[in-house]
Structures are given as structure tokens and as C-alpha cells.
Amino acid sequence: MDFDHIHFYVHDSKQCQRWFTNVLGFQYLGSNTTADRQIEVVSSGAIVCIFSSPLNRTSPVAQYLQQHPPGVVDLAFLVPDVQATLTCAVQSGATLLQPLTEEKNDQGTLTWGKVRGWGALEHTLVERRGQTSTLPSSIFPISIHGHDAHQSLFTQIDHGVLNVGKHQLQAAVSWYQRIFGFKTHRYFDIQTRRSGLRSEVLTHPQGQIKFPINEPTSANSQIQEFLEVNRGAGIQHIALGTSNIVETVTQLKHRGLSILDIPPSYYQRLRHQFEQVYSHLDWHALETQHILADFEEDAGAGILLQTFTKPIFPQPTFFFEIIERQRQAQGFGQRNFLALFQAMEREQQKRGVLL
């Protein structure tokens, strides 16, 4: 199992398409107008993002946006056997939203179905046989052939993060384990002087997918703020993989992307502990570009480099992570997790949410 595509519901899909292409460097793939929505599609490497905006009040997109701010409505999974996965999911209690459908073209066969995820989230399950790279035409009548992955800043979706309500973490984890066969990979309990969260990282035994789930442990937690503004559970962020995070972030900031600030004290502590061992890293560039670093000393000396954008929509909900894994790093970085949480607390303080 892996990620296939991300579907956003937004107020203006054309504006989102322009922002993704102009700021994030995604490539424009195509657009389509249906009876109730405008659809735009962009890609970077293996990442495909779809934006739908409503054309009338009765559109499902409009109905969603009456209940929630713009964000991810469908996190699609690529699976080796969609019929077996869909059957198992429904038999295990998932709600079927789209029955099994098959399309054939000159490049291969595309088969898909859709189930309800946690909260308002949906999961399209996709199986691709042959070389087909199209999207389900009954939902997105757009071909995604012809994009040039060699010019992309990003390679693939590294992970997606779901925020759920207080005391719902274990229920959500159990649901994804039962419905899709996820396994627990790691557990975090982050507490600062101001707020806290718990997180359980899920992975799948058949694939590279990583799916952390968070819950708040304090009333003023950034997770709780997300839940209140989003009006329920939802995708907090998507991590975009890159092969050179310093170069990528340098380009993105030049294009106007806002990155969370990391204080110099973080790098002072990190350098004191690791600079001599990892002298090949450009420590000045990491600090200048506000890139977090963590080191897996027990796992083949893997290096995890991460940074985080500020929310991309007007509401303080969805944002992107940019991540590079060196030497086959597999984790999520305990030090980085705490530093991210503290950086987001500083943003909450700027908004007056956290005193």
C-alpha cells in the first residue's frame, strides 16, 4: 500500500493550481469543468494533487465547505489488489462510497473504489496494472500523462498526518488497523510547559505508507485548535519527499513560501551534540533555511531532515512538511517532533491562541 493522490476541496481551484505551480514548483496537468465543480490537477514527481471548487450551492464541494475550511477530503491509497482490499474494508465495517469500477486504455487497467475514512475523510483505493497513470475518469476526466518527474522539486508523498479528537486516538488507530491492516510503528507523547499531544505512527506491512495519527492532551494544544477550526478530525499535513532539502527549501523561499521559524538555540544544542560526527552536513545552511535534523544512531546512522510550511489556507489548519531521508532513515525524529510542536506553539502565540 502507498499513496496515490490527494484531493482537496477549495473555494477557488484555479487559484490553488496557480499557487502550487508558481510557489511549490508543481507542474500543471489539466483541468475540467463538470456540472457542479471546477477541477484542476497538478503533480510533482509521483505526487498528484487535485483541487475541486464548487460551481453551485448544491455541489458536494459547496456542502463540504459549509461545514469545514478548505483541506484534504480524500487521501487515496494505491493497493496491489483493490477488490480484496475493498471487500475486506467493507466486511470490517467501512462505509462504501464508490463501488468497484474498472477502466482500460492502451497503457493498462485502472481499478478503484472508495470508502469513508475517519470523520469526513475519504479514501479512494486504486489498483494500477500496466503503465497507466490516469485518474478515475468518472471522477476526474483528466489524463495525467506527460509530466516530467526529472524537473520536480519533490519525489513522493512521505507520509500524511491525521488529527482526531481528544481520547479518540486509540479508536482511530484500531479502525485503520482493522479496515486496512495498518500496524503501529512508533508512539510519541509530547508535553511542553504550555500544551501537549499524543501520536501513533502507523505503517503498512505491504508498502512504504506512513500514517501518523494525533490527538490533543491539553485544551490549548495546536491539535485542539485544528479540530475547532476544522470543525472535526482531518488531515493536518502532508509530507513531501525531496532528494535535496537545502536546495529545495532555498528555491521555495525565493518563490515566497513561508517556513516555520526555528530558534538559534535549537541549532546550538544540535551542533554541540552532532556536528563533529556529521561534519559533512552544511550546518550553516540547515540553520539559515530553518531545517530540523535528527539522527538514527541505532538504525544505520540514518539522517532525517525536515522543515514545515506555515498553513497554506487562511485558516490555521493544513500545512506541508518537506522531508529528506538520508541513509534510509525510517523514523520521525523525537527531537524534531518536539521542535516542531514548539514552533507551532510560537505561531499560536502570534495568533493569541496560546498565552
Protein backbone atom coordinates (compact mmCIF):
# COMPACT_ATOMS: atom_id res chain seq x y z
CA MET A 1 0.00 0.00 0.00
CA ASP A 2 1.19 3.50 -0.85
CA PHE A 3 -0.27 6.94 -1.53
CA ASP A 4 -1.86 7.50 -4.94
CA HIS A 5 -3.20 11.08 -4.95
CA ILE A 6 -4.51 13.88 -2.71
CA HIS A 7 -7.87 15.53 -3.35
CA PHE A 8 -8.53 19.00 -1.89
CA TYR A 9 -11.87 20.78 -1.68
CA VAL A 10 -11.22 24.52 -2.01
CA HIS A 11 -13.10 27.73 -2.79
CA ASP A 12 -11.05 28.53 -5.92
CA SER A 13 -9.36 25.59 -7.63
CA LYS A 14 -7.72 27.75 -10.30
CA GLN A 15 -6.11 29.96 -7.66
CA CYS A 16 -4.80 26.86 -5.84
CA GLN A 17 -3.43 25.46 -9.08
CA ARG A 18 -1.55 28.69 -9.73
CA TRP A 19 -0.14 28.78 -6.18
CA PHE A 20 1.07 25.18 -6.38
CA THR A 21 2.74 25.75 -9.75
CA ASN A 22 4.20 29.21 -9.02
CA VAL A 23 5.30 28.68 -5.41
CA LEU A 24 5.77 24.92 -4.90
CA GLY A 25 7.00 24.26 -8.42
CA PHE A 26 4.33 21.67 -9.27
CA GLN A 27 3.50 21.07 -12.93
CA TYR A 28 0.05 21.84 -14.31
CA LEU A 29 -1.54 18.70 -15.77
CA GLY A 30 -5.02 19.74 -16.80
CA SER A 31 -8.47 20.94 -15.81
CA ASN A 32 -12.09 20.06 -16.34
CA THR A 33 -15.48 21.59 -15.67
CA THR A 34 -18.38 19.34 -14.65
CA ALA A 35 -21.97 20.21 -13.78
CA ASP A 36 -21.15 21.16 -10.21
CA ARG A 37 -17.39 21.74 -9.90
CA GLN A 38 -14.17 23.05 -11.43
CA ILE A 39 -11.29 20.54 -11.26
CA GLU A 40 -7.58 21.34 -11.54
CA VAL A 41 -4.73 18.81 -11.36
CA VAL A 42 -1.01 19.32 -10.68
CA SER A 43 1.91 16.99 -9.99
CA SER A 44 5.48 16.86 -8.74
CA GLY A 45 7.41 13.63 -9.11
CA ALA A 46 4.99 10.86 -8.12
CA ILE A 47 2.75 13.31 -6.21
CA VAL A 48 -0.61 14.18 -7.76
CA CYS A 49 -2.84 16.86 -6.20
CA ILE A 50 -6.41 17.51 -7.29
CA PHE A 51 -8.38 20.66 -6.46
CA SER A 52 -12.17 20.85 -6.73
CA SER A 53 -14.14 24.05 -6.21
CA PRO A 54 -17.95 24.38 -6.34
CA LEU A 55 -19.89 25.90 -9.23
CA ASN A 56 -23.24 25.98 -7.42
CA ARG A 57 -24.66 25.72 -3.91
CA THR A 58 -25.85 22.14 -4.34
CA SER A 59 -22.37 20.86 -5.21
CA PRO A 60 -20.97 18.32 -2.71
CA VAL A 61 -17.89 20.54 -2.65
CA ALA A 62 -20.00 23.52 -1.55
CA GLN A 63 -21.72 21.41 1.10
CA TYR A 64 -18.35 20.28 2.45
CA LEU A 65 -17.04 23.86 2.56
CA GLN A 66 -20.12 24.94 4.51
CA GLN A 67 -19.02 22.54 7.26
CA HIS A 68 -15.22 22.70 7.01
CA PRO A 69 -12.46 25.06 5.81
CA PRO A 70 -10.52 24.12 2.64
CA GLY A 71 -8.45 20.98 3.04
CA VAL A 72 -7.93 17.34 2.14
CA VAL A 73 -11.17 15.47 1.56
CA ASP A 74 -9.68 12.31 0.01
CA LEU A 75 -6.32 10.69 0.74
CA ALA A 76 -6.13 7.98 -1.91
CA PHE A 77 -4.25 4.72 -1.38
CA LEU A 78 -2.52 2.67 -4.09
CA VAL A 79 -3.07 -1.04 -3.38
CA PRO A 80 -1.91 -4.27 -5.10
CA ASP A 81 -5.41 -5.87 -5.11
CA VAL A 82 -8.19 -3.34 -4.88
CA GLN A 83 -11.01 -5.89 -4.94
CA ALA A 84 -9.61 -7.78 -1.96
CA THR A 85 -8.78 -4.54 -0.09
CA LEU A 86 -12.24 -3.05 -0.72
CA THR A 87 -14.04 -6.25 0.22
CA CYS A 88 -12.05 -6.61 3.44
CA ALA A 89 -12.63 -2.96 4.34
CA VAL A 90 -16.40 -3.18 3.89
CA GLN A 91 -16.64 -6.51 5.71
CA SER A 92 -14.66 -4.95 8.57
CA GLY A 93 -17.11 -2.07 8.91
CA ALA A 94 -16.10 0.61 6.40
CA THR A 95 -18.83 2.53 4.59
CA LEU A 96 -18.73 2.03 0.82
CA LEU A 97 -18.90 5.33 -1.09
CA GLN A 98 -17.92 4.18 -4.60
CA PRO A 99 -18.30 0.55 -5.75
CA LEU A 100 -15.55 -1.25 -7.60
CA THR A 101 -15.05 0.27 -11.07
CA GLU A 102 -12.65 -0.70 -13.84
CA GLU A 103 -11.30 1.22 -16.82
CA LYS A 104 -8.98 0.02 -19.57
CA ASN A 105 -6.85 2.01 -22.00
CA ASP A 106 -3.80 1.47 -24.20
CA GLN A 107 -1.45 1.81 -21.21
CA GLY A 108 -3.17 -0.64 -18.85
CA THR A 109 -6.06 -1.12 -16.47
CA LEU A 110 -7.19 1.17 -13.65
CA THR A 111 -9.49 -0.22 -10.95
CA TRP A 112 -10.79 1.71 -7.97
CA GLY A 113 -13.40 2.06 -5.24
CA LYS A 114 -13.93 4.42 -2.32
CA VAL A 115 -14.74 4.12 1.39
CA ARG A 116 -15.42 6.58 4.16
CA GLY A 117 -12.40 7.24 6.37
CA TRP A 118 -12.22 8.75 9.84
CA GLY A 119 -14.56 11.71 10.28
CA ALA A 120 -15.25 13.48 6.97
CA LEU A 121 -12.15 11.99 5.33
CA GLU A 122 -12.49 9.65 2.35
CA HIS A 123 -10.11 7.06 0.92
CA THR A 124 -10.15 6.11 -2.75
CA LEU A 125 -8.47 2.73 -3.25
CA VAL A 126 -6.64 2.44 -6.58
CA GLU A 127 -5.04 -0.51 -8.37
CA ARG A 128 -2.91 0.12 -11.47
CA ARG A 129 -1.97 -2.68 -13.88
CA GLY A 130 0.35 -1.85 -16.75
CA GLN A 131 1.72 1.65 -17.31
CA THR A 132 -1.49 3.61 -16.75
CA SER A 133 -1.12 6.86 -14.84
CA THR A 134 -4.63 8.21 -15.37
CA LEU A 135 -7.11 9.19 -12.67
CA PRO A 136 -10.57 7.58 -12.39
CA SER A 137 -12.34 9.25 -15.33
CA SER A 138 -15.82 9.10 -13.79
CA ILE A 139 -14.47 11.33 -11.00
CA PHE A 140 -11.61 13.23 -12.70
CA PRO A 141 -11.92 13.07 -16.52
CA ILE A 142 -8.32 14.26 -16.96
CA SER A 143 -5.27 12.39 -18.25
CA ILE A 144 -2.09 12.81 -16.21
CA HIS A 145 0.31 11.65 -18.92
CA GLY A 146 3.31 13.71 -19.91
CA HIS A 147 4.58 15.21 -16.66
CA ASP A 148 8.36 15.40 -16.32
CA ALA A 149 9.46 13.98 -12.96
CA HIS A 150 13.09 14.93 -13.65
CA GLN A 151 12.28 18.63 -13.23
CA SER A 152 10.33 18.18 -10.00
CA LEU A 153 11.42 19.51 -6.62
CA PHE A 154 9.59 16.66 -4.87
CA THR A 155 9.71 12.90 -5.34
CA GLN A 156 6.80 11.29 -3.48
CA ILE A 157 4.43 11.62 -0.53
CA ASP A 158 6.43 10.58 2.53
CA HIS A 159 3.51 10.50 4.97
CA GLY A 160 0.17 12.05 5.81
CA VAL A 161 -0.95 13.06 9.31
CA LEU A 162 -4.49 12.79 10.69
CA ASN A 163 -5.70 14.80 13.72
CA VAL A 164 -8.51 13.28 15.80
CA GLY A 165 -10.39 14.42 18.90
CA LYS A 166 -9.30 14.01 22.50
CA HIS A 167 -9.45 10.39 23.70
CA GLN A 168 -10.10 9.22 20.09
CA LEU A 169 -6.54 8.19 19.23
CA GLN A 170 -6.87 4.54 20.12
CA ALA A 171 -10.26 4.23 18.44
CA ALA A 172 -8.91 5.79 15.23
CA VAL A 173 -5.76 3.62 15.31
CA SER A 174 -7.84 0.49 15.85
CA TRP A 175 -10.14 1.47 12.97
CA TYR A 176 -7.28 1.85 10.47
CA GLN A 177 -5.68 -1.35 11.70
CA ARG A 178 -8.94 -3.27 11.28
CA ILE A 179 -10.04 -1.73 7.97
CA PHE A 180 -6.73 -1.57 6.09
CA GLY A 181 -4.28 -3.73 8.05
CA PHE A 182 -2.02 -0.94 9.33
CA LYS A 183 0.49 -1.71 12.09
CA THR A 184 1.82 0.55 14.87
CA HIS A 185 5.37 1.66 14.13
CA ARG A 186 6.06 4.29 16.79
CA TYR A 187 4.38 6.19 19.62
CA PHE A 188 5.02 9.77 20.81
CA ASP A 189 3.80 11.62 23.88
CA ILE A 190 4.91 15.26 23.57
CA GLN A 191 4.41 17.61 26.52
CA THR A 192 5.71 21.15 26.91
CA ARG A 193 5.06 23.72 29.64
CA ARG A 194 2.16 25.03 27.56
CA SER A 195 0.43 22.13 25.80
CA GLY A 196 0.74 18.56 24.54
CA LEU A 197 -0.23 15.82 22.11
CA ARG A 198 -0.06 12.06 21.64
CA SER A 199 0.77 10.50 18.29
CA GLU A 200 0.83 6.95 16.99
CA VAL A 201 2.63 6.30 13.70
CA LEU A 202 1.04 3.61 11.52
CA THR A 203 2.76 1.81 8.65
CA HIS A 204 1.58 -0.92 6.32
CA PRO A 205 3.36 -4.29 6.01
CA GLN A 206 2.78 -4.24 2.22
CA GLY A 207 4.30 -0.96 1.10
CA GLN A 208 6.00 2.23 2.18
CA ILE A 209 2.98 4.13 3.51
CA LYS A 210 3.33 6.02 6.81
CA PHE A 211 0.26 7.45 8.54
CA PRO A 212 0.66 9.16 11.92
CA ILE A 213 -2.49 9.97 13.92
CA ASN A 214 -2.50 12.73 16.59
CA GLU A 215 -4.80 13.63 19.48
CA PRO A 216 -4.60 16.64 21.84
CA THR A 217 -3.74 16.22 25.51
CA SER A 218 -4.49 19.82 26.53
CA ALA A 219 -7.30 22.27 25.81
CA ASN A 220 -4.92 24.76 24.17
CA SER A 221 -2.97 22.23 22.10
CA GLN A 222 -2.31 23.02 18.44
CA ILE A 223 -4.19 19.78 17.71
CA GLN A 224 -7.23 21.05 19.60
CA GLU A 225 -7.06 24.37 17.74
CA PHE A 226 -7.00 22.45 14.44
CA LEU A 227 -10.05 20.40 15.48
CA GLU A 228 -12.00 23.50 16.44
CA VAL A 229 -11.16 25.47 13.29
CA ASN A 230 -11.60 22.42 11.04
CA ARG A 231 -14.82 21.52 12.87
CA GLY A 232 -13.73 17.95 13.36
CA ALA A 233 -11.00 15.46 12.55
CA GLY A 234 -8.96 15.89 9.39
CA ILE A 235 -5.61 15.79 7.63
CA GLN A 236 -3.24 18.20 9.39
CA HIS A 237 -0.34 17.95 6.97
CA ILE A 238 1.22 16.02 4.11
CA ALA A 239 4.98 15.41 3.99
CA LEU A 240 6.56 15.90 0.57
CA GLY A 241 9.76 13.95 0.00
CA THR A 242 12.75 15.58 -1.69
CA SER A 243 16.24 14.41 -2.59
CA ASN A 244 17.92 17.72 -1.63
CA ILE A 245 16.07 19.62 1.06
CA VAL A 246 18.52 22.53 1.30
CA GLU A 247 18.29 23.30 -2.42
CA THR A 248 14.52 22.73 -2.46
CA VAL A 249 13.79 25.00 0.52
CA THR A 250 16.12 27.68 -0.85
CA GLN A 251 14.15 27.71 -4.10
CA LEU A 252 10.77 27.64 -2.35
CA LYS A 253 11.61 30.53 -0.03
CA HIS A 254 12.84 32.53 -3.03
CA ARG A 255 9.41 31.92 -4.59
CA GLY A 256 7.68 33.25 -1.49
CA LEU A 257 6.93 30.16 0.60
CA SER A 258 6.69 30.83 4.36
CA ILE A 259 8.56 28.37 6.60
CA LEU A 260 8.18 27.97 10.37
CA ASP A 261 10.96 29.73 12.28
CA ILE A 262 13.34 27.60 14.37
CA PRO A 263 15.33 29.47 17.08
CA PRO A 264 19.16 29.53 17.07
CA SER A 265 19.19 27.70 20.42
CA TYR A 266 17.93 24.56 18.64
CA TYR A 267 20.97 24.54 16.35
CA GLN A 268 23.39 25.36 19.17
CA ARG A 269 22.31 22.24 21.07
CA LEU A 270 22.27 20.12 17.91
CA ARG A 271 25.72 21.21 16.79
CA HIS A 272 27.21 20.62 20.22
CA GLN A 273 25.98 17.03 20.12
CA PHE A 274 26.34 16.02 16.48
CA GLU A 275 28.43 18.42 14.36
CA GLN A 276 31.72 16.55 14.70
CA VAL A 277 30.15 13.18 13.85
CA TYR A 278 28.14 14.56 10.90
CA SER A 279 30.64 17.11 9.66
CA HIS A 280 29.63 16.53 6.02
CA LEU A 281 26.31 18.33 6.61
CA ASP A 282 26.03 22.02 5.73
CA TRP A 283 25.15 23.15 9.24
CA HIS A 284 25.02 26.81 8.29
CA ALA A 285 22.52 26.09 5.51
CA LEU A 286 20.35 24.00 7.84
CA GLU A 287 20.13 26.89 10.30
CA THR A 288 19.66 29.54 7.63
CA GLN A 289 16.82 27.62 5.98
CA HIS A 290 15.25 26.54 9.32
CA ILE A 291 15.67 22.82 8.64
CA LEU A 292 15.39 20.39 11.55
CA ALA A 293 17.77 17.43 11.77
CA ASP A 294 17.65 14.15 13.64
CA PHE A 295 19.98 11.17 13.61
CA GLU A 296 19.14 7.47 13.94
CA GLU A 297 22.26 6.20 15.65
CA ASP A 298 20.73 2.77 16.20
CA ALA A 299 19.47 2.35 12.64
CA GLY A 300 22.43 2.57 10.30
CA ALA A 301 23.20 6.22 11.07
CA GLY A 302 20.14 7.43 9.15
CA ILE A 303 19.69 11.20 8.87
CA LEU A 304 16.27 12.84 8.91
CA LEU A 305 15.98 16.43 7.64
CA GLN A 306 12.63 18.24 7.89
CA THR A 307 11.02 21.64 7.70
CA PHE A 308 7.42 22.82 7.81
CA THR A 309 5.44 25.47 5.98
CA LYS A 310 3.01 27.81 7.64
CA PRO A 311 -0.68 27.00 6.91
CA ILE A 312 -1.35 27.32 3.18
CA PHE A 313 -5.01 28.37 3.57
CA PRO A 314 -6.31 31.41 5.51
CA GLN A 315 -7.30 29.16 8.43
CA PRO A 316 -4.59 27.70 10.72
CA THR A 317 -5.24 24.13 9.63
CA PHE A 318 -3.46 22.40 6.75
CA PHE A 319 0.28 22.78 6.06
CA PHE A 320 3.07 20.90 4.27
CA GLU A 321 6.18 19.23 5.60
CA ILE A 322 9.28 18.97 3.41
CA ILE A 323 11.44 15.98 4.24
CA GLU A 324 14.65 14.32 3.13
CA ARG A 325 15.68 10.89 4.41
CA GLN A 326 19.39 10.14 4.09
CA ARG A 327 20.94 6.70 4.58
CA GLN A 328 17.49 5.07 4.59
CA ALA A 329 16.28 6.85 7.73
CA GLN A 330 12.94 5.36 8.77
CA GLY A 331 11.81 7.34 11.81
CA PHE A 332 10.08 10.62 12.52
CA GLY A 333 12.61 12.19 14.87
CA GLN A 334 11.80 12.58 18.55
CA ARG A 335 13.90 15.78 18.70
CA ASN A 336 12.26 17.12 15.54
CA PHE A 337 8.78 16.29 16.79
CA LEU A 338 9.29 18.39 19.92
CA ALA A 339 10.93 21.23 17.99
CA LEU A 340 8.02 21.29 15.51
CA PHE A 341 5.48 21.31 18.32
CA GLN A 342 7.27 24.23 19.98
CA ALA A 343 7.50 26.11 16.65
CA MET A 344 3.75 25.70 16.17
CA GLU A 345 3.19 26.91 19.73
CA ARG A 346 5.03 30.11 18.81
CA GLU A 347 2.65 30.54 15.87
CA GLN A 348 -0.28 30.02 18.25
CA GLN A 349 1.14 32.75 20.47
CA LYS A 350 1.27 35.12 17.48
CA ARG A 351 -2.42 34.38 16.84
CA GLY A 352 -3.25 34.99 20.50
CA VAL A 353 -4.48 31.41 20.95
CA LEU A 354 -1.72 30.35 23.35
CA LEU A 355 -0.53 32.70 26.09
